[in-house]
Amino acid sequence: MAQENVELVKSLMAAVDSRDIDAFAAVTTSDFEWFPVFAARVGGDVYRGREGIEAFLGEVDETWEEFRPVPEQYRDLGDRVLALGRLRTRGRASGAPGDSPWGGVYDLRDGKVSRIRTFLDHGGASQAAGLDE
């Protein structure tokens, strides 16, 4: 089961990279919640369901020429997966590149992702995943 959870998250990450909303929605629950790091810092927005997926990815494409989380390691924690890596960005208006630590916590239910929380530091993501790292 552990590898299945990691593969599920990898398929979700591929859907984000390709902006494939159908593929993204196919691996998430109908009550899916997404807490992206930038939304949390700006206004505390949470994106829910397919409409939330469409809204967030649309906002990303309006703001960023490149916005790509690059997971370098995955850790299966039973009902959640922790992904740690880098976030690579390039502003659409400025063209300024960005590269920062990135972490994602993917909560799973009934073989699908029910919630994503992302962070710009590995420690915050690990703590949110229930680890003391």
N, C-alpha and C. Protein backbone atom coordinates (compact mmCIF):
# COMPACT_ATOMS: atom_id res chain seq x y z
N MET A 1 0.82 -1.21 0.00
CA MET A 1 0.00 0.00 0.00
C MET A 1 0.86 1.26 0.00
N ALA A 2 1.99 1.22 0.68
CA ALA A 2 2.83 2.42 0.77
C ALA A 2 3.21 2.94 -0.61
N GLN A 3 3.67 2.06 -1.48
CA GLN A 3 4.07 2.50 -2.82
C GLN A 3 2.87 3.04 -3.59
N GLU A 4 1.69 2.46 -3.39
CA GLU A 4 0.49 2.97 -4.05
C GLU A 4 0.20 4.41 -3.65
N ASN A 5 0.38 4.74 -2.38
CA ASN A 5 0.15 6.10 -1.92
C ASN A 5 1.11 7.08 -2.58
N VAL A 6 2.38 6.70 -2.63
CA VAL A 6 3.38 7.55 -3.27
C VAL A 6 3.07 7.71 -4.75
N GLU A 7 2.71 6.62 -5.42
CA GLU A 7 2.38 6.69 -6.85
C GLU A 7 1.17 7.59 -7.09
N LEU A 8 0.20 7.55 -6.20
CA LEU A 8 -0.98 8.42 -6.30
C LEU A 8 -0.56 9.89 -6.25
N VAL A 9 0.31 10.22 -5.29
CA VAL A 9 0.78 11.61 -5.17
C VAL A 9 1.62 11.99 -6.39
N LYS A 10 2.43 11.09 -6.88
CA LYS A 10 3.21 11.38 -8.09
C LYS A 10 2.30 11.66 -9.28
N SER A 11 1.20 10.92 -9.40
CA SER A 11 0.28 11.17 -10.51
C SER A 11 -0.40 12.53 -10.35
N LEU A 12 -0.69 12.91 -9.12
CA LEU A 12 -1.26 14.23 -8.87
C LEU A 12 -0.25 15.33 -9.25
N MET A 13 1.02 15.13 -8.88
CA MET A 13 2.06 16.11 -9.22
C MET A 13 2.21 16.23 -10.73
N ALA A 14 2.11 15.13 -11.45
CA ALA A 14 2.19 15.18 -12.91
C ALA A 14 1.01 15.96 -13.48
N ALA A 15 -0.16 15.81 -12.87
CA ALA A 15 -1.33 16.56 -13.32
C ALA A 15 -1.14 18.05 -13.07
N VAL A 16 -0.52 18.42 -11.97
CA VAL A 16 -0.23 19.84 -11.70
C VAL A 16 0.73 20.37 -12.76
N ASP A 17 1.80 19.64 -13.02
CA ASP A 17 2.79 20.07 -14.00
C ASP A 17 2.18 20.30 -15.37
N SER A 18 1.27 19.41 -15.77
CA SER A 18 0.67 19.51 -17.10
C SER A 18 -0.62 20.33 -17.11
N ARG A 19 -1.04 20.79 -15.91
CA ARG A 19 -2.29 21.55 -15.74
C ARG A 19 -3.49 20.74 -16.24
N ASP A 20 -3.45 19.44 -16.00
CA ASP A 20 -4.51 18.53 -16.41
C ASP A 20 -5.54 18.42 -15.29
N ILE A 21 -6.55 19.25 -15.36
CA ILE A 21 -7.56 19.33 -14.30
C ILE A 21 -8.33 18.02 -14.18
N ASP A 22 -8.64 17.38 -15.29
CA ASP A 22 -9.36 16.10 -15.23
C ASP A 22 -8.55 15.04 -14.49
N ALA A 23 -7.25 14.94 -14.80
CA ALA A 23 -6.39 13.96 -14.14
C ALA A 23 -6.25 14.29 -12.66
N PHE A 24 -6.15 15.57 -12.33
CA PHE A 24 -6.06 16.00 -10.94
C PHE A 24 -7.33 15.61 -10.19
N ALA A 25 -8.47 15.95 -10.75
CA ALA A 25 -9.76 15.66 -10.11
C ALA A 25 -9.98 14.16 -9.96
N ALA A 26 -9.45 13.37 -10.87
CA ALA A 26 -9.65 11.92 -10.82
C ALA A 26 -8.98 11.27 -9.62
N VAL A 27 -7.95 11.91 -9.06
CA VAL A 27 -7.24 11.31 -7.92
C VAL A 27 -7.54 12.03 -6.60
N THR A 28 -8.54 12.91 -6.62
CA THR A 28 -8.91 13.61 -5.40
C THR A 28 -10.36 13.31 -5.03
N THR A 29 -10.67 13.46 -3.74
CA THR A 29 -12.03 13.23 -3.26
C THR A 29 -12.93 14.39 -3.69
N SER A 30 -14.23 14.18 -3.66
CA SER A 30 -15.17 15.24 -4.06
C SER A 30 -15.12 16.42 -3.09
N ASP A 31 -14.72 16.18 -1.84
CA ASP A 31 -14.63 17.27 -0.86
C ASP A 31 -13.18 17.71 -0.64
N PHE A 32 -12.34 17.49 -1.63
CA PHE A 32 -10.93 17.83 -1.61
C PHE A 32 -10.70 19.28 -1.17
N GLU A 33 -9.63 19.49 -0.36
CA GLU A 33 -9.22 20.83 0.07
C GLU A 33 -7.74 21.02 -0.22
N TRP A 34 -7.39 22.21 -0.71
CA TRP A 34 -6.00 22.54 -1.04
C TRP A 34 -5.66 23.83 -0.33
N PHE A 35 -4.61 23.78 0.49
CA PHE A 35 -4.12 24.94 1.22
C PHE A 35 -2.73 25.29 0.68
N PRO A 36 -2.66 26.04 -0.44
CA PRO A 36 -1.36 26.38 -1.02
C PRO A 36 -0.65 27.42 -0.16
N VAL A 37 0.66 27.31 -0.10
CA VAL A 37 1.45 28.19 0.76
C VAL A 37 1.22 29.67 0.43
N PHE A 38 1.18 30.04 -0.82
CA PHE A 38 1.04 31.45 -1.15
C PHE A 38 -0.33 31.98 -0.78
N ALA A 39 -1.37 31.21 -0.97
CA ALA A 39 -2.72 31.64 -0.59
C ALA A 39 -2.80 31.81 0.92
N ALA A 40 -2.18 30.91 1.67
CA ALA A 40 -2.22 30.99 3.13
C ALA A 40 -1.50 32.25 3.61
N ARG A 41 -0.44 32.64 2.93
CA ARG A 41 0.30 33.82 3.35
C ARG A 41 -0.43 35.11 2.95
N VAL A 42 -1.17 35.07 1.87
CA VAL A 42 -1.84 36.27 1.39
C VAL A 42 -3.20 36.45 2.04
N GLY A 43 -4.05 35.45 1.96
CA GLY A 43 -5.39 35.66 2.48
C GLY A 43 -6.01 34.46 3.15
N GLY A 44 -5.25 33.40 3.32
CA GLY A 44 -5.78 32.23 3.99
C GLY A 44 -6.76 31.44 3.16
N ASP A 45 -6.71 31.61 1.84
CA ASP A 45 -7.65 30.92 0.97
C ASP A 45 -7.45 29.41 1.03
N VAL A 46 -8.56 28.72 0.95
CA VAL A 46 -8.55 27.28 0.76
C VAL A 46 -9.33 27.03 -0.52
N TYR A 47 -8.83 26.13 -1.33
CA TYR A 47 -9.48 25.81 -2.59
C TYR A 47 -10.14 24.45 -2.42
N ARG A 48 -11.42 24.37 -2.78
CA ARG A 48 -12.18 23.14 -2.54
C ARG A 48 -12.73 22.56 -3.84
N GLY A 49 -12.67 21.22 -3.93
CA GLY A 49 -13.26 20.50 -5.04
C GLY A 49 -12.66 20.86 -6.39
N ARG A 50 -13.31 20.38 -7.42
CA ARG A 50 -12.84 20.63 -8.79
C ARG A 50 -12.79 22.12 -9.10
N GLU A 51 -13.78 22.86 -8.63
CA GLU A 51 -13.80 24.31 -8.88
C GLU A 51 -12.57 24.98 -8.26
N GLY A 52 -12.19 24.51 -7.08
CA GLY A 52 -11.00 25.05 -6.43
C GLY A 52 -9.73 24.73 -7.19
N ILE A 53 -9.66 23.51 -7.73
CA ILE A 53 -8.50 23.12 -8.53
C ILE A 53 -8.39 24.04 -9.75
N GLU A 54 -9.51 24.24 -10.44
CA GLU A 54 -9.52 25.11 -11.61
C GLU A 54 -9.13 26.53 -11.24
N ALA A 55 -9.68 27.05 -10.14
CA ALA A 55 -9.39 28.42 -9.72
C ALA A 55 -7.91 28.59 -9.38
N PHE A 56 -7.37 27.68 -8.59
CA PHE A 56 -5.98 27.83 -8.18
C PHE A 56 -5.04 27.74 -9.37
N LEU A 57 -5.21 26.73 -10.20
CA LEU A 57 -4.31 26.58 -11.35
C LEU A 57 -4.46 27.75 -12.31
N GLY A 58 -5.66 28.30 -12.44
CA GLY A 58 -5.86 29.50 -13.26
C GLY A 58 -5.10 30.69 -12.69
N GLU A 59 -5.17 30.87 -11.38
CA GLU A 59 -4.45 31.97 -10.73
C GLU A 59 -2.95 31.80 -10.88
N VAL A 60 -2.47 30.57 -10.75
CA VAL A 60 -1.05 30.29 -10.92
C VAL A 60 -0.61 30.68 -12.33
N ASP A 61 -1.38 30.29 -13.33
CA ASP A 61 -1.00 30.59 -14.71
C ASP A 61 -1.06 32.09 -15.01
N GLU A 62 -1.94 32.83 -14.34
CA GLU A 62 -1.99 34.28 -14.52
C GLU A 62 -0.77 34.97 -13.91
N THR A 63 -0.28 34.44 -12.80
CA THR A 63 0.78 35.09 -12.03
C THR A 63 2.17 34.62 -12.41
N TRP A 64 2.31 33.34 -12.74
CA TRP A 64 3.62 32.75 -12.92
C TRP A 64 3.81 32.23 -14.34
N GLU A 65 4.95 32.55 -14.92
CA GLU A 65 5.34 31.94 -16.19
C GLU A 65 5.74 30.48 -15.94
N GLU A 66 6.41 30.26 -14.82
CA GLU A 66 6.76 28.91 -14.38
C GLU A 66 6.39 28.79 -12.91
N PHE A 67 5.76 27.71 -12.57
CA PHE A 67 5.41 27.39 -11.17
C PHE A 67 5.45 25.89 -11.07
N ARG A 68 6.55 25.37 -10.53
CA ARG A 68 6.73 23.93 -10.57
C ARG A 68 7.32 23.40 -9.28
N PRO A 69 6.49 22.74 -8.47
CA PRO A 69 7.04 22.01 -7.34
C PRO A 69 7.83 20.81 -7.88
N VAL A 70 9.02 20.61 -7.34
CA VAL A 70 9.88 19.51 -7.78
C VAL A 70 10.18 18.63 -6.57
N PRO A 71 9.34 17.64 -6.31
CA PRO A 71 9.60 16.73 -5.19
C PRO A 71 10.87 15.93 -5.43
N GLU A 72 11.71 15.86 -4.40
CA GLU A 72 12.95 15.09 -4.50
C GLU A 72 12.89 13.83 -3.65
N GLN A 73 11.97 13.82 -2.69
CA GLN A 73 11.79 12.61 -1.87
C GLN A 73 10.35 12.53 -1.38
N TYR A 74 9.89 11.32 -1.23
CA TYR A 74 8.54 11.04 -0.75
C TYR A 74 8.66 10.15 0.47
N ARG A 75 7.74 10.37 1.40
CA ARG A 75 7.71 9.52 2.59
C ARG A 75 6.26 9.12 2.85
N ASP A 76 5.99 7.83 2.78
CA ASP A 76 4.65 7.34 3.05
C ASP A 76 4.45 7.24 4.55
N LEU A 77 3.39 7.86 5.05
CA LEU A 77 3.10 7.87 6.49
C LEU A 77 1.74 7.24 6.78
N GLY A 78 1.34 6.30 5.95
CA GLY A 78 0.07 5.60 6.16
C GLY A 78 -1.09 6.33 5.51
N ASP A 79 -1.73 7.23 6.23
CA ASP A 79 -2.86 7.97 5.67
C ASP A 79 -2.44 9.31 5.10
N ARG A 80 -1.14 9.51 4.97
CA ARG A 80 -0.63 10.73 4.33
C ARG A 80 0.72 10.47 3.72
N VAL A 81 1.08 11.33 2.77
CA VAL A 81 2.39 11.27 2.14
C VAL A 81 3.04 12.63 2.31
N LEU A 82 4.30 12.62 2.69
CA LEU A 82 5.10 13.83 2.79
C LEU A 82 6.03 13.88 1.58
N ALA A 83 5.99 14.98 0.85
CA ALA A 83 6.90 15.18 -0.28
C ALA A 83 7.78 16.39 0.04
N LEU A 84 9.07 16.26 -0.15
CA LEU A 84 10.00 17.35 0.10
C LEU A 84 10.84 17.58 -1.15
N GLY A 85 11.07 18.84 -1.46
CA GLY A 85 11.87 19.18 -2.63
C GLY A 85 12.05 20.67 -2.75
N ARG A 86 11.88 21.16 -3.98
CA ARG A 86 12.09 22.57 -4.32
C ARG A 86 10.87 23.10 -5.05
N LEU A 87 10.66 24.40 -4.96
CA LEU A 87 9.65 25.08 -5.77
C LEU A 87 10.38 26.02 -6.70
N ARG A 88 10.21 25.79 -7.99
CA ARG A 88 10.85 26.64 -9.01
C ARG A 88 9.78 27.52 -9.63
N THR A 89 10.06 28.82 -9.65
CA THR A 89 9.09 29.78 -10.18
C THR A 89 9.78 30.79 -11.08
N ARG A 90 8.97 31.44 -11.91
CA ARG A 90 9.41 32.60 -12.69
C ARG A 90 8.17 33.47 -12.83
N GLY A 91 8.29 34.71 -12.36
CA GLY A 91 7.16 35.64 -12.41
C GLY A 91 6.76 35.96 -13.84
N ARG A 92 5.47 36.02 -14.09
CA ARG A 92 5.00 36.33 -15.44
C ARG A 92 5.33 37.77 -15.82
N ALA A 93 5.07 38.70 -14.93
CA ALA A 93 5.31 40.11 -15.25
C ALA A 93 6.78 40.48 -15.15
N SER A 94 7.45 40.00 -14.12
CA SER A 94 8.84 40.40 -13.86
C SER A 94 9.86 39.54 -14.57
N GLY A 95 9.52 38.28 -14.79
CA GLY A 95 10.49 37.33 -15.34
C GLY A 95 11.50 36.88 -14.30
N ALA A 96 11.33 37.33 -13.07
CA ALA A 96 12.28 36.99 -12.01
C ALA A 96 12.14 35.51 -11.62
N PRO A 97 13.28 34.81 -11.57
CA PRO A 97 13.23 33.41 -11.18
C PRO A 97 13.19 33.27 -9.66
N GLY A 98 12.66 32.15 -9.21
CA GLY A 98 12.66 31.82 -7.80
C GLY A 98 12.95 30.34 -7.61
N ASP A 99 13.60 30.03 -6.52
CA ASP A 99 13.92 28.64 -6.18
C ASP A 99 13.97 28.57 -4.67
N SER A 100 13.06 27.81 -4.08
CA SER A 100 13.01 27.74 -2.62
C SER A 100 12.71 26.32 -2.17
N PRO A 101 13.02 26.03 -0.91
CA PRO A 101 12.59 24.74 -0.37
C PRO A 101 11.07 24.65 -0.47
N TRP A 102 10.58 23.46 -0.62
CA TRP A 102 9.14 23.23 -0.73
C TRP A 102 8.81 21.89 -0.10
N GLY A 103 7.64 21.84 0.54
CA GLY A 103 7.15 20.58 1.09
C GLY A 103 5.65 20.51 0.94
N GLY A 104 5.15 19.32 0.71
CA GLY A 104 3.72 19.10 0.60
C GLY A 104 3.28 17.93 1.46
N VAL A 105 2.15 18.10 2.13
CA VAL A 105 1.55 17.04 2.92
C VAL A 105 0.24 16.67 2.24
N TYR A 106 0.13 15.42 1.83
CA TYR A 106 -1.02 14.92 1.08
C TYR A 106 -1.79 13.94 1.96
N ASP A 107 -2.97 14.34 2.41
CA ASP A 107 -3.80 13.45 3.22
C ASP A 107 -4.63 12.57 2.29
N LEU A 108 -4.74 11.28 2.63
CA LEU A 108 -5.41 10.31 1.78
C LEU A 108 -6.63 9.72 2.48
N ARG A 109 -7.64 9.46 1.68
CA ARG A 109 -8.85 8.80 2.17
C ARG A 109 -9.48 8.02 1.02
N ASP A 110 -9.76 6.76 1.28
CA ASP A 110 -10.42 5.90 0.29
C ASP A 110 -9.67 5.87 -1.04
N GLY A 111 -8.35 5.84 -0.97
CA GLY A 111 -7.54 5.71 -2.18
C GLY A 111 -7.42 6.97 -3.01
N LYS A 112 -7.77 8.11 -2.43
CA LYS A 112 -7.66 9.39 -3.14
C LYS A 112 -7.08 10.45 -2.20
N VAL A 113 -6.61 11.54 -2.77
CA VAL A 113 -6.09 12.66 -1.98
C VAL A 113 -7.27 13.51 -1.53
N SER A 114 -7.38 13.74 -0.22
CA SER A 114 -8.48 14.54 0.31
C SER A 114 -8.05 15.95 0.70
N ARG A 115 -6.72 16.13 0.93
CA ARG A 115 -6.25 17.46 1.32
C ARG A 115 -4.78 17.59 0.99
N ILE A 116 -4.41 18.79 0.55
CA ILE A 116 -3.00 19.12 0.33
C ILE A 116 -2.69 20.38 1.13
N ARG A 117 -1.57 20.34 1.84
CA ARG A 117 -1.04 21.54 2.51
C ARG A 117 0.40 21.69 2.05
N THR A 118 0.77 22.89 1.59
CA THR A 118 2.14 23.10 1.11
C THR A 118 2.84 24.16 1.94
N PHE A 119 4.17 24.06 1.94
CA PHE A 119 5.02 24.89 2.79
C PHE A 119 6.29 25.27 2.03
N LEU A 120 6.88 26.40 2.42
CA LEU A 120 8.14 26.82 1.81
C LEU A 120 9.33 26.46 2.70
N ASP A 121 9.15 25.46 3.53
CA ASP A 121 10.27 24.93 4.31
C ASP A 121 9.99 23.47 4.65
N HIS A 122 11.03 22.69 4.69
CA HIS A 122 10.88 21.27 4.95
C HIS A 122 10.44 21.01 6.38
N GLY A 123 10.93 21.81 7.32
CA GLY A 123 10.58 21.61 8.72
C GLY A 123 9.09 21.81 8.97
N GLY A 124 8.50 22.85 8.38
CA GLY A 124 7.07 23.09 8.54
C GLY A 124 6.23 21.98 7.95
N ALA A 125 6.66 21.48 6.80
CA ALA A 125 5.92 20.37 6.17
C ALA A 125 6.05 19.11 7.00
N SER A 126 7.25 18.83 7.49
CA SER A 126 7.46 17.63 8.31
C SER A 126 6.63 17.70 9.59
N GLN A 127 6.61 18.87 10.21
CA GLN A 127 5.83 19.04 11.44
C GLN A 127 4.34 18.85 11.15
N ALA A 128 3.85 19.42 10.05
CA ALA A 128 2.43 19.27 9.70
C ALA A 128 2.09 17.82 9.40
N ALA A 129 3.07 17.06 8.95
CA ALA A 129 2.85 15.64 8.66
C ALA A 129 2.90 14.78 9.92
N GLY A 130 3.21 15.42 11.05
CA GLY A 130 3.25 14.69 12.31
C GLY A 130 4.62 14.17 12.69
N LEU A 131 5.65 14.69 12.02
CA LEU A 131 7.03 14.28 12.33
C LEU A 131 7.71 15.37 13.14
N ASP A 132 8.71 15.00 13.91
CA ASP A 132 9.43 15.96 14.75
C ASP A 132 10.73 16.41 14.12
N GLU A 133 10.78 16.45 12.81
CA GLU A 133 12.03 16.80 12.11
C GLU A 133 12.20 18.30 12.05
